[in-house]
Amino acid sequence: MPKLTKIFDAKVKVGEYTTNEGQKNKWEAVGSVLKNEKGNFVFAMKKTFNPAGVPSNPNDADIYIPFFPPNQK
């Protein structure tokens, strides 16, 4: 199997919540953008991700999945 490096986490907004600091977004990780040794990119999506559960604009049939830098531990 070729070596893959994680470049981004793919997350969708699944809701909002309120804190003392104001309104915050709740995100769910749905996959990752990976890069192989040849420089090609791959999007690996969780098998359990169901896009039907993602809130969206009723006038827009698309679901937008933003990419974020991976969390540094």
PDB file of N, CA and C in Angstrom:
ATOM      1  N   MET A   1       0.844  -1.180   0.000  1.00  0.00           N
ATOM      2  CA  MET A   1       0.000   0.000   0.000  1.00  0.00           C
ATOM      3  C   MET A   1       0.892   1.248   0.000  1.00  0.00           C
ATOM      4  N   PRO A   2       0.575   2.222  -0.862  1.00  0.00           N
ATOM      5  CA  PRO A   2       1.396   3.433  -0.914  1.00  0.00           C
ATOM      6  C   PRO A   2       1.258   4.249   0.375  1.00  0.00           C
ATOM      7  N   LYS A   3       2.323   4.983   0.673  1.00  0.00           N
ATOM      8  CA  LYS A   3       2.304   5.831   1.867  1.00  0.00           C
ATOM      9  C   LYS A   3       1.424   7.049   1.617  1.00  0.00           C
ATOM     10  N   LEU A   4       0.510   7.318   2.552  1.00  0.00           N
ATOM     11  CA  LEU A   4      -0.391   8.459   2.451  1.00  0.00           C
ATOM     12  C   LEU A   4      -0.168   9.381   3.641  1.00  0.00           C
ATOM     13  N   THR A   5      -0.153  10.682   3.377  1.00  0.00           N
ATOM     14  CA  THR A   5       0.010  11.686   4.420  1.00  0.00           C
ATOM     15  C   THR A   5      -1.264  12.513   4.510  1.00  0.00           C
ATOM     16  N   LYS A   6      -1.775  12.689   5.739  1.00  0.00           N
ATOM     17  CA  LYS A   6      -2.986  13.492   5.905  1.00  0.00           C
ATOM     18  C   LYS A   6      -2.642  14.964   5.718  1.00  0.00           C
ATOM     19  N   ILE A   7      -3.399  15.629   4.835  1.00  0.00           N
ATOM     20  CA  ILE A   7      -3.203  17.043   4.544  1.00  0.00           C
ATOM     21  C   ILE A   7      -4.288  17.880   5.231  1.00  0.00           C
ATOM     22  N   PHE A   8      -5.545  17.413   5.154  1.00  0.00           N
ATOM     23  CA  PHE A   8      -6.673  18.133   5.732  1.00  0.00           C
ATOM     24  C   PHE A   8      -7.654  17.169   6.376  1.00  0.00           C
ATOM     25  N   ASP A   9      -8.397  17.672   7.362  1.00  0.00           N
ATOM     26  CA  ASP A   9      -9.571  16.984   7.889  1.00  0.00           C
ATOM     27  C   ASP A   9     -10.781  17.573   7.175  1.00  0.00           C
ATOM     28  N   ALA A  10     -11.696  16.735   6.752  1.00  0.00           N
ATOM     29  CA  ALA A  10     -12.948  17.178   6.124  1.00  0.00           C
ATOM     30  C   ALA A  10     -14.033  17.137   7.193  1.00  0.00           C
ATOM     31  N   LYS A  11     -14.718  18.275   7.386  1.00  0.00           N
ATOM     32  CA  LYS A  11     -15.742  18.363   8.423  1.00  0.00           C
ATOM     33  C   LYS A  11     -16.977  19.061   7.878  1.00  0.00           C
ATOM     34  N   VAL A  12     -18.133  18.678   8.412  1.00  0.00           N
ATOM     35  CA  VAL A  12     -19.380  19.350   8.049  1.00  0.00           C
ATOM     36  C   VAL A  12     -19.999  19.963   9.297  1.00  0.00           C
ATOM     37  N   LYS A  13     -20.659  21.079   9.097  1.00  0.00           N
ATOM     38  CA  LYS A  13     -21.359  21.731  10.200  1.00  0.00           C
ATOM     39  C   LYS A  13     -22.661  20.982  10.435  1.00  0.00           C
ATOM     40  N   VAL A  14     -22.851  20.503  11.663  1.00  0.00           N
ATOM     41  CA  VAL A  14     -24.054  19.720  11.976  1.00  0.00           C
ATOM     42  C   VAL A  14     -24.977  20.427  12.962  1.00  0.00           C
ATOM     43  N   GLY A  15     -24.589  21.615  13.394  1.00  0.00           N
ATOM     44  CA  GLY A  15     -25.439  22.350  14.312  1.00  0.00           C
ATOM     45  C   GLY A  15     -24.711  23.522  14.929  1.00  0.00           C
ATOM     46  N   GLU A  16     -25.381  24.134  15.898  1.00  0.00           N
ATOM     47  CA  GLU A  16     -24.815  25.270  16.620  1.00  0.00           C
ATOM     48  C   GLU A  16     -25.124  25.119  18.098  1.00  0.00           C
ATOM     49  N   TYR A  17     -24.346  25.784  18.919  1.00  0.00           N
ATOM     50  CA  TYR A  17     -24.603  25.827  20.356  1.00  0.00           C
ATOM     51  C   TYR A  17     -24.133  27.172  20.888  1.00  0.00           C
ATOM     52  N   THR A  18     -24.598  27.524  22.078  1.00  0.00           N
ATOM     53  CA  THR A  18     -24.284  28.812  22.670  1.00  0.00           C
ATOM     54  C   THR A  18     -23.402  28.629  23.898  1.00  0.00           C
ATOM     55  N   THR A  19     -22.373  29.455  23.992  1.00  0.00           N
ATOM     56  CA  THR A  19     -21.502  29.481  25.165  1.00  0.00           C
ATOM     57  C   THR A  19     -21.525  30.897  25.732  1.00  0.00           C
ATOM     58  N   ASN A  20     -20.766  31.121  26.778  1.00  0.00           N
ATOM     59  CA  ASN A  20     -20.643  32.465  27.334  1.00  0.00           C
ATOM     60  C   ASN A  20     -20.029  33.435  26.333  1.00  0.00           C
ATOM     61  N   GLU A  21     -19.268  32.896  25.386  1.00  0.00           N
ATOM     62  CA  GLU A  21     -18.608  33.725  24.373  1.00  0.00           C
ATOM     63  C   GLU A  21     -19.480  33.959  23.143  1.00  0.00           C
ATOM     64  N   GLY A  22     -20.657  33.344  23.092  1.00  0.00           N
ATOM     65  CA  GLY A  22     -21.552  33.533  21.952  1.00  0.00           C
ATOM     66  C   GLY A  22     -21.847  32.233  21.223  1.00  0.00           C
ATOM     67  N   GLN A  23     -22.333  32.376  19.993  1.00  0.00           N
ATOM     68  CA  GLN A  23     -22.736  31.240  19.167  1.00  0.00           C
ATOM     69  C   GLN A  23     -21.510  30.528  18.600  1.00  0.00           C
ATOM     70  N   LYS A  24     -21.490  29.208  18.662  1.00  0.00           N
ATOM     71  CA  LYS A  24     -20.397  28.384  18.121  1.00  0.00           C
ATOM     72  C   LYS A  24     -20.990  27.335  17.186  1.00  0.00           C
ATOM     73  N   ASN A  25     -20.192  26.887  16.243  1.00  0.00           N
ATOM     74  CA  ASN A  25     -20.610  25.830  15.324  1.00  0.00           C
ATOM     75  C   ASN A  25     -20.175  24.467  15.853  1.00  0.00           C
ATOM     76  N   LYS A  26     -21.013  23.463  15.637  1.00  0.00           N
ATOM     77  CA  LYS A  26     -20.669  22.085  15.981  1.00  0.00           C
ATOM     78  C   LYS A  26     -20.296  21.383  14.680  1.00  0.00           C
ATOM     79  N   TRP A  27     -19.112  20.751  14.668  1.00  0.00           N
ATOM     80  CA  TRP A  27     -18.585  20.116  13.463  1.00  0.00           C
ATOM     81  C   TRP A  27     -18.440  18.616  13.666  1.00  0.00           C
ATOM     82  N   GLU A  28     -18.640  17.876  12.585  1.00  0.00           N
ATOM     83  CA  GLU A  28     -18.403  16.427  12.600  1.00  0.00           C
ATOM     84  C   GLU A  28     -17.378  16.091  11.531  1.00  0.00           C
ATOM     85  N   ALA A  29     -16.345  15.344  11.904  1.00  0.00           N
ATOM     86  CA  ALA A  29     -15.334  14.901  10.939  1.00  0.00           C
ATOM     87  C   ALA A  29     -15.940  13.807  10.061  1.00  0.00           C
ATOM     88  N   VAL A  30     -15.841  13.983   8.750  1.00  0.00           N
ATOM     89  CA  VAL A  30     -16.422  13.007   7.820  1.00  0.00           C
ATOM     90  C   VAL A  30     -15.373  12.342   6.940  1.00  0.00           C
ATOM     91  N   GLY A  31     -14.117  12.775   7.064  1.00  0.00           N
ATOM     92  CA  GLY A  31     -13.077  12.162   6.250  1.00  0.00           C
ATOM     93  C   GLY A  31     -11.805  12.966   6.283  1.00  0.00           C
ATOM     94  N   SER A  32     -10.909  12.655   5.355  1.00  0.00           N
ATOM     95  CA  SER A  32      -9.603  13.310   5.283  1.00  0.00           C
ATOM     96  C   SER A  32      -9.173  13.459   3.838  1.00  0.00           C
ATOM     97  N   VAL A  33      -8.377  14.491   3.594  1.00  0.00           N
ATOM     98  CA  VAL A  33      -7.699  14.641   2.311  1.00  0.00           C
ATOM     99  C   VAL A  33      -6.280  14.141   2.535  1.00  0.00           C
ATOM    100  N   LEU A  34      -5.872  13.193   1.704  1.00  0.00           N
ATOM    101  CA  LEU A  34      -4.563  12.560   1.829  1.00  0.00           C
ATOM    102  C   LEU A  34      -3.739  12.831   0.573  1.00  0.00           C
ATOM    103  N   LYS A  35      -2.418  12.787   0.732  1.00  0.00           N
ATOM    104  CA  LYS A  35      -1.506  12.974  -0.401  1.00  0.00           C
ATOM    105  C   LYS A  35      -0.582  11.777  -0.456  1.00  0.00           C
ATOM    106  N   ASN A  36      -0.412  11.216  -1.668  1.00  0.00           N
ATOM    107  CA  ASN A  36       0.473  10.052  -1.791  1.00  0.00           C
ATOM    108  C   ASN A  36       1.878  10.490  -2.190  1.00  0.00           C
ATOM    109  N   GLU A  37       2.770   9.520  -2.335  1.00  0.00           N
ATOM    110  CA  GLU A  37       4.182   9.794  -2.629  1.00  0.00           C
ATOM    111  C   GLU A  37       4.386  10.490  -3.972  1.00  0.00           C
ATOM    112  N   LYS A  38       3.443  10.313  -4.902  1.00  0.00           N
ATOM    113  CA  LYS A  38       3.545  10.937  -6.222  1.00  0.00           C
ATOM    114  C   LYS A  38       2.949  12.347  -6.242  1.00  0.00           C
ATOM    115  N   GLY A  39       2.385  12.798  -5.117  1.00  0.00           N
ATOM    116  CA  GLY A  39       1.807  14.136  -5.045  1.00  0.00           C
ATOM    117  C   GLY A  39       0.332  14.198  -5.400  1.00  0.00           C
ATOM    118  N   ASN A  40      -0.286  13.039  -5.625  1.00  0.00           N
ATOM    119  CA  ASN A  40      -1.717  13.004  -5.943  1.00  0.00           C
ATOM    120  C   ASN A  40      -2.533  13.074  -4.654  1.00  0.00           C
ATOM    121  N   PHE A  41      -3.708  13.676  -4.739  1.00  0.00           N
ATOM    122  CA  PHE A  41      -4.585  13.817  -3.590  1.00  0.00           C
ATOM    123  C   PHE A  41      -5.710  12.795  -3.644  1.00  0.00           C
ATOM    124  N   VAL A  42      -6.122  12.346  -2.469  1.00  0.00           N
ATOM    125  CA  VAL A  42      -7.216  11.376  -2.336  1.00  0.00           C
ATOM    126  C   VAL A  42      -8.135  11.883  -1.231  1.00  0.00           C
ATOM    127  N   PHE A  43      -9.446  11.781  -1.445  1.00  0.00           N
ATOM    128  CA  PHE A  43     -10.411  12.106  -0.396  1.00  0.00           C
ATOM    129  C   PHE A  43     -10.943  10.792   0.154  1.00  0.00           C
ATOM    130  N   ALA A  44     -10.653  10.529   1.428  1.00  0.00           N
ATOM    131  CA  ALA A  44     -11.135   9.320   2.096  1.00  0.00           C
ATOM    132  C   ALA A  44     -12.311   9.713   2.980  1.00  0.00           C
ATOM    133  N   MET A  45     -13.507   9.204   2.658  1.00  0.00           N
ATOM    134  CA  MET A  45     -14.704   9.552   3.403  1.00  0.00           C
ATOM    135  C   MET A  45     -15.122   8.393   4.294  1.00  0.00           C
ATOM    136  N   LYS A  46     -15.590   8.718   5.504  1.00  0.00           N
ATOM    137  CA  LYS A  46     -16.091   7.694   6.418  1.00  0.00           C
ATOM    138  C   LYS A  46     -17.261   6.967   5.780  1.00  0.00           C
ATOM    139  N   LYS A  47     -17.289   5.659   5.909  1.00  0.00           N
ATOM    140  CA  LYS A  47     -18.392   4.871   5.364  1.00  0.00           C
ATOM    141  C   LYS A  47     -19.708   5.187   6.047  1.00  0.00           C
ATOM    142  N   THR A  48     -19.645   5.625   7.289  1.00  0.00           N
ATOM    143  CA  THR A  48     -20.861   5.878   8.052  1.00  0.00           C
ATOM    144  C   THR A  48     -21.437   7.278   7.829  1.00  0.00           C
ATOM    145  N   PHE A  49     -20.743   8.120   7.059  1.00  0.00           N
ATOM    146  CA  PHE A  49     -21.241   9.479   6.821  1.00  0.00           C
ATOM    147  C   PHE A  49     -22.474   9.451   5.935  1.00  0.00           C
ATOM    148  N   ASN A  50     -23.556  10.080   6.419  1.00  0.00           N
ATOM    149  CA  ASN A  50     -24.795  10.178   5.655  1.00  0.00           C
ATOM    150  C   ASN A  50     -25.071  11.653   5.386  1.00  0.00           C
ATOM    151  N   PRO A  51     -24.879  12.122   4.154  1.00  0.00           N
ATOM    152  CA  PRO A  51     -25.068  13.537   3.865  1.00  0.00           C
ATOM    153  C   PRO A  51     -26.512  14.009   4.037  1.00  0.00           C
ATOM    154  N   ALA A  52     -27.467  13.096   4.092  1.00  0.00           N
ATOM    155  CA  ALA A  52     -28.867  13.494   4.283  1.00  0.00           C
ATOM    156  C   ALA A  52     -29.086  14.147   5.642  1.00  0.00           C
ATOM    157  N   GLY A  53     -28.214  13.893   6.603  1.00  0.00           N
ATOM    158  CA  GLY A  53     -28.368  14.469   7.925  1.00  0.00           C
ATOM    159  C   GLY A  53     -27.712  15.824   8.104  1.00  0.00           C
ATOM    160  N   VAL A  54     -27.079  16.343   7.065  1.00  0.00           N
ATOM    161  CA  VAL A  54     -26.376  17.618   7.162  1.00  0.00           C
ATOM    162  C   VAL A  54     -27.339  18.758   6.840  1.00  0.00           C
ATOM    163  N   PRO A  55     -27.488  19.723   7.762  1.00  0.00           N
ATOM    164  CA  PRO A  55     -28.363  20.863   7.462  1.00  0.00           C
ATOM    165  C   PRO A  55     -27.831  21.633   6.254  1.00  0.00           C
ATOM    166  N   SER A  56     -28.733  22.093   5.420  1.00  0.00           N
ATOM    167  CA  SER A  56     -28.314  22.867   4.253  1.00  0.00           C
ATOM    168  C   SER A  56     -29.394  23.886   3.910  1.00  0.00           C
ATOM    169  N   ASN A  57     -29.051  24.793   3.040  1.00  0.00           N
ATOM    170  CA  ASN A  57     -29.982  25.797   2.553  1.00  0.00           C
ATOM    171  C   ASN A  57     -31.029  25.100   1.685  1.00  0.00           C
ATOM    172  N   PRO A  58     -32.323  25.306   1.949  1.00  0.00           N
ATOM    173  CA  PRO A  58     -33.356  24.620   1.151  1.00  0.00           C
ATOM    174  C   PRO A  58     -33.303  24.952  -0.341  1.00  0.00           C
ATOM    175  N   ASN A  59     -32.694  26.085  -0.698  1.00  0.00           N
ATOM    176  CA  ASN A  59     -32.596  26.487  -2.105  1.00  0.00           C
ATOM    177  C   ASN A  59     -31.357  25.939  -2.788  1.00  0.00           C
ATOM    178  N   ASP A  60     -30.541  25.198  -2.048  1.00  0.00           N
ATOM    179  CA  ASP A  60     -29.276  24.702  -2.592  1.00  0.00           C
ATOM    180  C   ASP A  60     -29.221  23.188  -2.416  1.00  0.00           C
ATOM    181  N   ALA A  61     -29.042  22.447  -3.488  1.00  0.00           N
ATOM    182  CA  ALA A  61     -29.015  20.986  -3.427  1.00  0.00           C
ATOM    183  C   ALA A  61     -27.646  20.444  -3.031  1.00  0.00           C
ATOM    184  N   ASP A  62     -26.639  21.316  -2.969  1.00  0.00           N
ATOM    185  CA  ASP A  62     -25.277  20.867  -2.671  1.00  0.00           C
ATOM    186  C   ASP A  62     -24.991  20.877  -1.174  1.00  0.00           C
ATOM    187  N   ILE A  63     -24.059  20.046  -0.767  1.00  0.00           N
ATOM    188  CA  ILE A  63     -23.518  20.065   0.586  1.00  0.00           C
ATOM    189  C   ILE A  63     -22.056  20.440   0.451  1.00  0.00           C
ATOM    190  N   TYR A  64     -21.651  21.466   1.180  1.00  0.00           N
ATOM    191  CA  TYR A  64     -20.281  21.930   1.123  1.00  0.00           C
ATOM    192  C   TYR A  64     -19.495  21.319   2.279  1.00  0.00           C
ATOM    193  N   ILE A  65     -18.339  20.760   1.957  1.00  0.00           N
ATOM    194  CA  ILE A  65     -17.492  20.120   2.957  1.00  0.00           C
ATOM    195  C   ILE A  65     -16.174  20.879   3.001  1.00  0.00           C
ATOM    196  N   PRO A  66     -16.003  21.743   4.018  1.00  0.00           N
ATOM    197  CA  PRO A  66     -14.740  22.468   4.118  1.00  0.00           C
ATOM    198  C   PRO A  66     -13.613  21.578   4.630  1.00  0.00           C
ATOM    199  N   PHE A  67     -12.399  21.944   4.271  1.00  0.00           N
ATOM    200  CA  PHE A  67     -11.199  21.226   4.715  1.00  0.00           C
ATOM    201  C   PHE A  67     -10.448  22.095   5.705  1.00  0.00           C
ATOM    202  N   PHE A  68     -10.013  21.494   6.806  1.00  0.00           N
ATOM    203  CA  PHE A  68      -9.292  22.183   7.859  1.00  0.00           C
ATOM    204  C   PHE A  68      -7.933  21.516   8.057  1.00  0.00           C
ATOM    205  N   PRO A  69      -6.917  22.287   8.451  1.00  0.00           N
ATOM    206  CA  PRO A  69      -5.641  21.651   8.779  1.00  0.00           C
ATOM    207  C   PRO A  69      -5.862  20.613   9.878  1.00  0.00           C
ATOM    208  N   PRO A  70      -5.171  19.478   9.824  1.00  0.00           N
ATOM    209  CA  PRO A  70      -5.369  18.460  10.857  1.00  0.00           C
ATOM    210  C   PRO A  70      -5.026  19.018  12.235  1.00  0.00           C
ATOM    211  N   ASN A  71      -5.759  18.541  13.224  1.00  0.00           N
ATOM    212  CA  ASN A  71      -5.494  18.965  14.608  1.00  0.00           C
ATOM    213  C   ASN A  71      -4.098  18.520  15.020  1.00  0.00           C
ATOM    214  N   GLN A  72      -3.381  19.441  15.605  1.00  0.00           N
ATOM    215  CA  GLN A  72      -2.049  19.127  16.105  1.00  0.00           C
ATOM    216  C   GLN A  72      -2.183  18.638  17.531  1.00  0.00           C
ATOM    217  N   LYS A  73      -1.664  17.461  17.848  1.00  0.00           N
ATOM    218  CA  LYS A  73      -1.750  16.916  19.200  1.00  0.00           C
ATOM    219  C   LYS A  73      -0.433  17.068  19.910  1.00  0.00           C
TER     220      LYS A  73
END
